[in-house]
Amino acid sequence: MLDLEALPILLTPDIAATRAFGHEAGFDVELATPDYLIFRGYGIELHYALTTRPEVCGETSCYIRGGGILLLFEELMIRDIANLSEISSRPWGMTEFYLNDPHGNLLKFGMSTDELPITHHHLKEPST
């Protein structure tokens, strides 16, 4: 079996603002170069590269999947992070929440609704 890992590279027109957002959200943020950041934390690694085209940020997203999203959501709620959606079960069988970074990149977090622990079954949609 191959040991592979996918790491999204999102774009930012403002390295300083994105760095502050990462710290506020509880990530360890490394300034790899003056125009490249790496967020690490919560079992996640996200990369950000500087762009001179800020309009593209609102057209990009990444999807992060796993059971750890429940604890991450609670942590982000405690930190009162702006642009954080509610967590809810979706018709396609995933329980998700969304977070927009300061420049419009959409970070989507999800896990299979079937895998919700008993303590979170209130998030499941009612049966039809």
N, C-alpha and C. Protein backbone atom coordinates (compact mmCIF):
# COMPACT_ATOMS: atom_id res chain seq x y z
N MET A 1 0.85 -1.18 0.00
CA MET A 1 0.00 0.00 0.00
C MET A 1 0.89 1.24 0.00
N LEU A 2 0.45 2.23 -0.76
CA LEU A 2 1.18 3.49 -0.82
C LEU A 2 0.82 4.37 0.35
N ASP A 3 1.76 5.11 0.84
CA ASP A 3 1.52 6.06 1.91
C ASP A 3 1.52 7.45 1.28
N LEU A 4 0.34 7.93 0.92
CA LEU A 4 0.20 9.21 0.25
C LEU A 4 -0.58 10.19 1.11
N GLU A 5 -0.35 11.47 0.87
CA GLU A 5 -1.08 12.50 1.59
C GLU A 5 -1.33 13.65 0.63
N ALA A 6 -2.53 14.16 0.61
CA ALA A 6 -2.87 15.31 -0.23
C ALA A 6 -2.85 16.57 0.64
N LEU A 7 -2.19 17.59 0.16
CA LEU A 7 -2.12 18.85 0.90
C LEU A 7 -2.59 19.98 0.00
N PRO A 8 -3.73 20.58 0.32
CA PRO A 8 -4.21 21.67 -0.52
C PRO A 8 -3.31 22.89 -0.40
N ILE A 9 -3.16 23.57 -1.52
CA ILE A 9 -2.46 24.86 -1.54
C ILE A 9 -3.50 25.90 -1.94
N LEU A 10 -3.86 26.72 -0.98
CA LEU A 10 -4.82 27.79 -1.20
C LEU A 10 -4.06 29.08 -1.48
N LEU A 11 -4.76 30.05 -2.02
CA LEU A 11 -4.12 31.32 -2.36
C LEU A 11 -4.57 32.41 -1.41
N THR A 12 -3.67 33.36 -1.19
CA THR A 12 -3.96 34.51 -0.34
C THR A 12 -3.32 35.76 -0.93
N PRO A 13 -4.04 36.87 -0.92
CA PRO A 13 -3.43 38.13 -1.35
C PRO A 13 -2.72 38.86 -0.21
N ASP A 14 -2.82 38.32 1.01
CA ASP A 14 -2.27 39.01 2.18
C ASP A 14 -1.74 37.97 3.17
N ILE A 15 -0.45 37.74 3.12
CA ILE A 15 0.19 36.73 3.97
C ILE A 15 -0.01 37.05 5.45
N ALA A 16 0.13 38.33 5.83
CA ALA A 16 0.00 38.70 7.25
C ALA A 16 -1.41 38.42 7.78
N ALA A 17 -2.44 38.76 7.01
CA ALA A 17 -3.82 38.53 7.46
C ALA A 17 -4.11 37.03 7.54
N THR A 18 -3.60 36.26 6.60
CA THR A 18 -3.83 34.82 6.61
C THR A 18 -3.08 34.19 7.77
N ARG A 19 -1.90 34.67 8.04
CA ARG A 19 -1.13 34.17 9.18
C ARG A 19 -1.88 34.44 10.48
N ALA A 20 -2.43 35.63 10.64
CA ALA A 20 -3.20 35.97 11.85
C ALA A 20 -4.43 35.08 11.97
N PHE A 21 -5.11 34.83 10.86
CA PHE A 21 -6.27 33.93 10.85
C PHE A 21 -5.88 32.53 11.33
N GLY A 22 -4.77 32.02 10.85
CA GLY A 22 -4.31 30.69 11.26
C GLY A 22 -4.03 30.62 12.75
N HIS A 23 -3.35 31.63 13.26
CA HIS A 23 -3.08 31.66 14.71
C HIS A 23 -4.38 31.75 15.51
N GLU A 24 -5.30 32.60 15.07
CA GLU A 24 -6.58 32.77 15.76
C GLU A 24 -7.36 31.46 15.80
N ALA A 25 -7.27 30.69 14.72
CA ALA A 25 -7.98 29.41 14.64
C ALA A 25 -7.27 28.30 15.40
N GLY A 26 -6.07 28.57 15.92
CA GLY A 26 -5.37 27.59 16.74
C GLY A 26 -4.34 26.73 16.01
N PHE A 27 -3.99 27.12 14.80
CA PHE A 27 -2.97 26.38 14.06
C PHE A 27 -1.58 26.88 14.42
N ASP A 28 -0.61 26.01 14.33
CA ASP A 28 0.79 26.43 14.31
C ASP A 28 1.04 26.92 12.89
N VAL A 29 1.53 28.13 12.75
CA VAL A 29 1.71 28.72 11.43
C VAL A 29 3.19 28.95 11.19
N GLU A 30 3.66 28.41 10.09
CA GLU A 30 5.07 28.56 9.71
C GLU A 30 5.15 29.42 8.47
N LEU A 31 5.94 30.46 8.51
CA LEU A 31 6.21 31.26 7.34
C LEU A 31 7.39 30.59 6.64
N ALA A 32 7.09 29.78 5.63
CA ALA A 32 8.12 29.00 4.94
C ALA A 32 9.01 29.90 4.10
N THR A 33 8.39 30.84 3.41
CA THR A 33 9.10 31.89 2.67
C THR A 33 8.25 33.14 2.82
N PRO A 34 8.73 34.30 2.38
CA PRO A 34 7.90 35.51 2.53
C PRO A 34 6.54 35.43 1.83
N ASP A 35 6.38 34.50 0.89
CA ASP A 35 5.11 34.40 0.17
C ASP A 35 4.48 33.01 0.27
N TYR A 36 4.78 32.29 1.36
CA TYR A 36 4.23 30.93 1.50
C TYR A 36 4.10 30.57 2.98
N LEU A 37 2.87 30.17 3.38
CA LEU A 37 2.57 29.79 4.76
C LEU A 37 2.18 28.33 4.83
N ILE A 38 2.43 27.72 5.98
CA ILE A 38 1.96 26.37 6.25
C ILE A 38 1.25 26.38 7.59
N PHE A 39 -0.01 25.92 7.59
CA PHE A 39 -0.78 25.75 8.82
C PHE A 39 -0.68 24.28 9.21
N ARG A 40 -0.41 24.02 10.48
CA ARG A 40 -0.42 22.65 11.00
C ARG A 40 -1.18 22.64 12.33
N GLY A 41 -2.03 21.64 12.48
CA GLY A 41 -2.76 21.47 13.72
C GLY A 41 -4.03 20.69 13.49
N TYR A 42 -4.53 20.11 14.54
CA TYR A 42 -5.76 19.32 14.49
C TYR A 42 -5.65 18.15 13.51
N GLY A 43 -4.43 17.69 13.24
CA GLY A 43 -4.23 16.61 12.28
C GLY A 43 -4.32 17.07 10.83
N ILE A 44 -4.28 18.37 10.61
CA ILE A 44 -4.44 18.97 9.29
C ILE A 44 -3.18 19.73 8.91
N GLU A 45 -2.89 19.77 7.64
CA GLU A 45 -1.85 20.65 7.12
C GLU A 45 -2.41 21.35 5.89
N LEU A 46 -2.42 22.67 5.92
CA LEU A 46 -2.87 23.50 4.81
C LEU A 46 -1.74 24.42 4.39
N HIS A 47 -1.61 24.63 3.11
CA HIS A 47 -0.59 25.53 2.59
C HIS A 47 -1.28 26.73 1.94
N TYR A 48 -0.65 27.89 2.05
CA TYR A 48 -1.13 29.11 1.42
C TYR A 48 0.01 29.76 0.65
N ALA A 49 -0.26 30.13 -0.59
CA ALA A 49 0.72 30.82 -1.42
C ALA A 49 0.18 32.21 -1.77
N LEU A 50 1.07 33.16 -1.88
CA LEU A 50 0.69 34.53 -2.20
C LEU A 50 0.22 34.61 -3.64
N THR A 51 -0.84 35.38 -3.86
CA THR A 51 -1.33 35.64 -5.21
C THR A 51 -1.49 37.14 -5.40
N THR A 52 -1.37 37.56 -6.64
CA THR A 52 -1.66 38.96 -6.98
C THR A 52 -3.07 39.07 -7.56
N ARG A 53 -3.83 37.97 -7.54
CA ARG A 53 -5.19 37.94 -8.06
C ARG A 53 -6.16 37.57 -6.94
N PRO A 54 -6.51 38.50 -6.06
CA PRO A 54 -7.36 38.19 -4.91
C PRO A 54 -8.73 37.63 -5.28
N GLU A 55 -9.22 37.92 -6.48
CA GLU A 55 -10.54 37.44 -6.88
C GLU A 55 -10.61 35.91 -6.98
N VAL A 56 -9.50 35.24 -7.16
CA VAL A 56 -9.53 33.77 -7.28
C VAL A 56 -9.78 33.10 -5.93
N CYS A 57 -9.48 33.76 -4.84
CA CYS A 57 -9.64 33.15 -3.52
C CYS A 57 -11.09 32.77 -3.24
N GLY A 58 -12.02 33.56 -3.67
CA GLY A 58 -13.43 33.28 -3.46
C GLY A 58 -13.97 32.16 -4.35
N GLU A 59 -13.14 31.61 -5.20
CA GLU A 59 -13.55 30.55 -6.10
C GLU A 59 -12.89 29.21 -5.77
N THR A 60 -12.20 29.14 -4.65
CA THR A 60 -11.48 27.91 -4.31
C THR A 60 -11.96 27.36 -2.98
N SER A 61 -11.75 26.05 -2.83
CA SER A 61 -12.11 25.40 -1.58
C SER A 61 -11.28 24.14 -1.42
N CYS A 62 -11.33 23.59 -0.23
CA CYS A 62 -10.75 22.27 0.00
C CYS A 62 -11.67 21.54 0.96
N TYR A 63 -11.62 20.22 0.90
CA TYR A 63 -12.48 19.39 1.73
C TYR A 63 -11.60 18.56 2.65
N ILE A 64 -11.88 18.64 3.94
CA ILE A 64 -11.11 17.92 4.96
C ILE A 64 -12.08 16.96 5.63
N ARG A 65 -11.75 15.68 5.58
CA ARG A 65 -12.69 14.66 6.04
C ARG A 65 -12.10 13.85 7.18
N GLY A 66 -12.95 13.56 8.17
CA GLY A 66 -12.54 12.68 9.27
C GLY A 66 -13.35 12.94 10.52
N GLY A 67 -13.34 11.95 11.41
CA GLY A 67 -14.09 12.03 12.65
C GLY A 67 -13.65 13.14 13.58
N GLY A 68 -12.46 13.67 13.39
CA GLY A 68 -11.96 14.75 14.23
C GLY A 68 -12.63 16.08 14.00
N ILE A 69 -13.52 16.15 13.02
CA ILE A 69 -14.15 17.45 12.76
C ILE A 69 -15.07 17.89 13.88
N LEU A 70 -15.59 16.94 14.65
CA LEU A 70 -16.47 17.31 15.76
C LEU A 70 -15.72 18.11 16.82
N LEU A 71 -14.54 17.63 17.19
CA LEU A 71 -13.73 18.35 18.18
C LEU A 71 -13.21 19.66 17.60
N LEU A 72 -12.85 19.64 16.33
CA LEU A 72 -12.38 20.87 15.68
C LEU A 72 -13.48 21.93 15.68
N PHE A 73 -14.70 21.53 15.36
CA PHE A 73 -15.81 22.48 15.37
C PHE A 73 -15.99 23.10 16.75
N GLU A 74 -15.94 22.27 17.78
CA GLU A 74 -16.07 22.78 19.14
C GLU A 74 -14.96 23.77 19.47
N GLU A 75 -13.74 23.45 19.06
CA GLU A 75 -12.60 24.34 19.32
C GLU A 75 -12.78 25.68 18.60
N LEU A 76 -13.20 25.64 17.34
CA LEU A 76 -13.41 26.87 16.59
C LEU A 76 -14.55 27.70 17.17
N MET A 77 -15.58 27.03 17.69
CA MET A 77 -16.68 27.75 18.35
C MET A 77 -16.17 28.45 19.61
N ILE A 78 -15.36 27.75 20.40
CA ILE A 78 -14.80 28.34 21.62
C ILE A 78 -13.96 29.56 21.28
N ARG A 79 -13.22 29.46 20.18
CA ARG A 79 -12.35 30.56 19.74
C ARG A 79 -13.13 31.69 19.06
N ASP A 80 -14.44 31.49 18.86
CA ASP A 80 -15.32 32.48 18.25
C ASP A 80 -14.78 32.94 16.88
N ILE A 81 -14.44 31.97 16.05
CA ILE A 81 -13.88 32.25 14.73
C ILE A 81 -14.99 32.79 13.82
N ALA A 82 -14.69 33.87 13.13
CA ALA A 82 -15.66 34.47 12.19
C ALA A 82 -15.84 33.57 10.98
N ASN A 83 -16.98 33.69 10.34
CA ASN A 83 -17.30 32.98 9.10
C ASN A 83 -17.36 31.47 9.27
N LEU A 84 -17.77 31.02 10.45
CA LEU A 84 -17.92 29.60 10.74
C LEU A 84 -19.41 29.25 10.64
N SER A 85 -19.73 28.24 9.83
CA SER A 85 -21.14 27.82 9.69
C SER A 85 -21.53 26.95 10.88
N GLU A 86 -22.80 26.62 10.93
CA GLU A 86 -23.28 25.60 11.87
C GLU A 86 -22.81 24.24 11.36
N ILE A 87 -22.80 23.25 12.23
CA ILE A 87 -22.52 21.89 11.81
C ILE A 87 -23.86 21.18 11.65
N SER A 88 -24.01 20.47 10.54
CA SER A 88 -25.28 19.78 10.31
C SER A 88 -25.09 18.63 9.34
N SER A 89 -26.03 17.71 9.40
CA SER A 89 -26.03 16.58 8.48
C SER A 89 -26.66 17.00 7.17
N ARG A 90 -26.04 16.61 6.09
CA ARG A 90 -26.48 16.98 4.75
C ARG A 90 -27.20 15.80 4.10
N PRO A 91 -28.03 16.06 3.12
CA PRO A 91 -28.78 14.99 2.45
C PRO A 91 -27.88 13.94 1.78
N TRP A 92 -26.64 14.29 1.51
CA TRP A 92 -25.74 13.35 0.83
C TRP A 92 -24.98 12.45 1.79
N GLY A 93 -25.40 12.43 3.07
CA GLY A 93 -24.83 11.48 4.02
C GLY A 93 -23.60 11.94 4.75
N MET A 94 -23.31 13.22 4.68
CA MET A 94 -22.15 13.77 5.38
C MET A 94 -22.62 14.78 6.42
N THR A 95 -21.93 14.83 7.54
CA THR A 95 -22.14 15.86 8.55
C THR A 95 -20.99 16.84 8.35
N GLU A 96 -21.33 18.12 8.15
CA GLU A 96 -20.32 19.08 7.70
C GLU A 96 -20.48 20.43 8.39
N PHE A 97 -19.36 21.16 8.37
CA PHE A 97 -19.38 22.59 8.64
C PHE A 97 -18.41 23.25 7.70
N TYR A 98 -18.59 24.55 7.53
CA TYR A 98 -17.77 25.29 6.58
C TYR A 98 -17.15 26.50 7.29
N LEU A 99 -16.00 26.88 6.78
CA LEU A 99 -15.28 28.04 7.30
C LEU A 99 -14.65 28.78 6.13
N ASN A 100 -14.95 30.07 6.01
CA ASN A 100 -14.28 30.89 5.01
C ASN A 100 -13.11 31.60 5.66
N ASP A 101 -11.95 31.54 5.01
CA ASP A 101 -10.82 32.29 5.52
C ASP A 101 -11.04 33.77 5.18
N PRO A 102 -10.16 34.66 5.62
CA PRO A 102 -10.41 36.10 5.43
C PRO A 102 -10.52 36.55 3.97
N HIS A 103 -10.07 35.71 3.04
CA HIS A 103 -10.06 36.11 1.64
C HIS A 103 -11.05 35.32 0.79
N GLY A 104 -11.86 34.49 1.44
CA GLY A 104 -12.93 33.81 0.73
C GLY A 104 -12.69 32.36 0.38
N ASN A 105 -11.49 31.83 0.62
CA ASN A 105 -11.29 30.39 0.41
C ASN A 105 -12.23 29.64 1.34
N LEU A 106 -12.90 28.63 0.81
CA LEU A 106 -13.85 27.86 1.58
C LEU A 106 -13.19 26.59 2.09
N LEU A 107 -13.14 26.45 3.40
CA LEU A 107 -12.64 25.23 4.03
C LEU A 107 -13.86 24.42 4.44
N LYS A 108 -14.03 23.24 3.83
CA LYS A 108 -15.17 22.37 4.14
C LYS A 108 -14.67 21.22 4.98
N PHE A 109 -15.38 20.91 6.05
CA PHE A 109 -15.01 19.83 6.95
C PHE A 109 -16.18 18.85 7.03
N GLY A 110 -15.91 17.57 6.88
CA GLY A 110 -17.00 16.62 6.91
C GLY A 110 -16.62 15.23 7.38
N MET A 111 -17.64 14.51 7.79
CA MET A 111 -17.50 13.10 8.15
C MET A 111 -18.81 12.40 7.79
N SER A 112 -18.74 11.09 7.61
CA SER A 112 -19.94 10.33 7.30
C SER A 112 -20.93 10.45 8.46
N THR A 113 -22.16 10.79 8.15
CA THR A 113 -23.19 10.90 9.17
C THR A 113 -23.39 9.55 9.87
N ASP A 114 -23.21 8.46 9.14
CA ASP A 114 -23.34 7.13 9.74
C ASP A 114 -22.31 6.87 10.83
N GLU A 115 -21.22 7.62 10.82
CA GLU A 115 -20.14 7.43 11.79
C GLU A 115 -20.24 8.35 13.00
N LEU A 116 -21.30 9.16 13.07
CA LEU A 116 -21.46 10.06 14.21
C LEU A 116 -21.53 9.25 15.50
N PRO A 117 -20.80 9.67 16.53
CA PRO A 117 -20.94 9.00 17.82
C PRO A 117 -22.33 9.24 18.40
N ILE A 118 -22.75 8.38 19.28
CA ILE A 118 -24.08 8.46 19.89
C ILE A 118 -24.34 9.83 20.51
N THR A 119 -23.30 10.48 21.01
CA THR A 119 -23.45 11.79 21.65
C THR A 119 -23.79 12.89 20.65
N HIS A 120 -23.66 12.61 19.35
CA HIS A 120 -23.94 13.62 18.33
C HIS A 120 -25.08 13.20 17.40
N HIS A 121 -25.86 12.25 17.79
CA HIS A 121 -26.95 11.80 16.92
C HIS A 121 -28.01 12.87 16.71
N HIS A 122 -28.03 13.89 17.55
CA HIS A 122 -28.98 14.99 17.35
C HIS A 122 -28.71 15.74 16.04
N LEU A 123 -27.52 15.55 15.45
CA LEU A 123 -27.19 16.22 14.20
C LEU A 123 -27.80 15.50 13.00
N LYS A 124 -28.19 14.25 13.16
CA LYS A 124 -28.75 13.49 12.03
C LYS A 124 -30.09 14.07 11.62
N GLU A 125 -30.30 14.08 10.32
CA GLU A 125 -31.59 14.54 9.81
C GLU A 125 -32.67 13.54 10.17
N PRO A 126 -33.87 14.01 10.41
CA PRO A 126 -34.96 13.09 10.71
C PRO A 126 -35.21 12.14 9.53
N SER A 127 -35.57 10.92 9.81
CA SER A 127 -35.88 9.95 8.75
C SER A 127 -37.16 10.36 8.06
N THR A 128 -37.21 10.09 6.75
CA THR A 128 -38.42 10.44 6.00
C THR A 128 -39.26 9.22 5.75
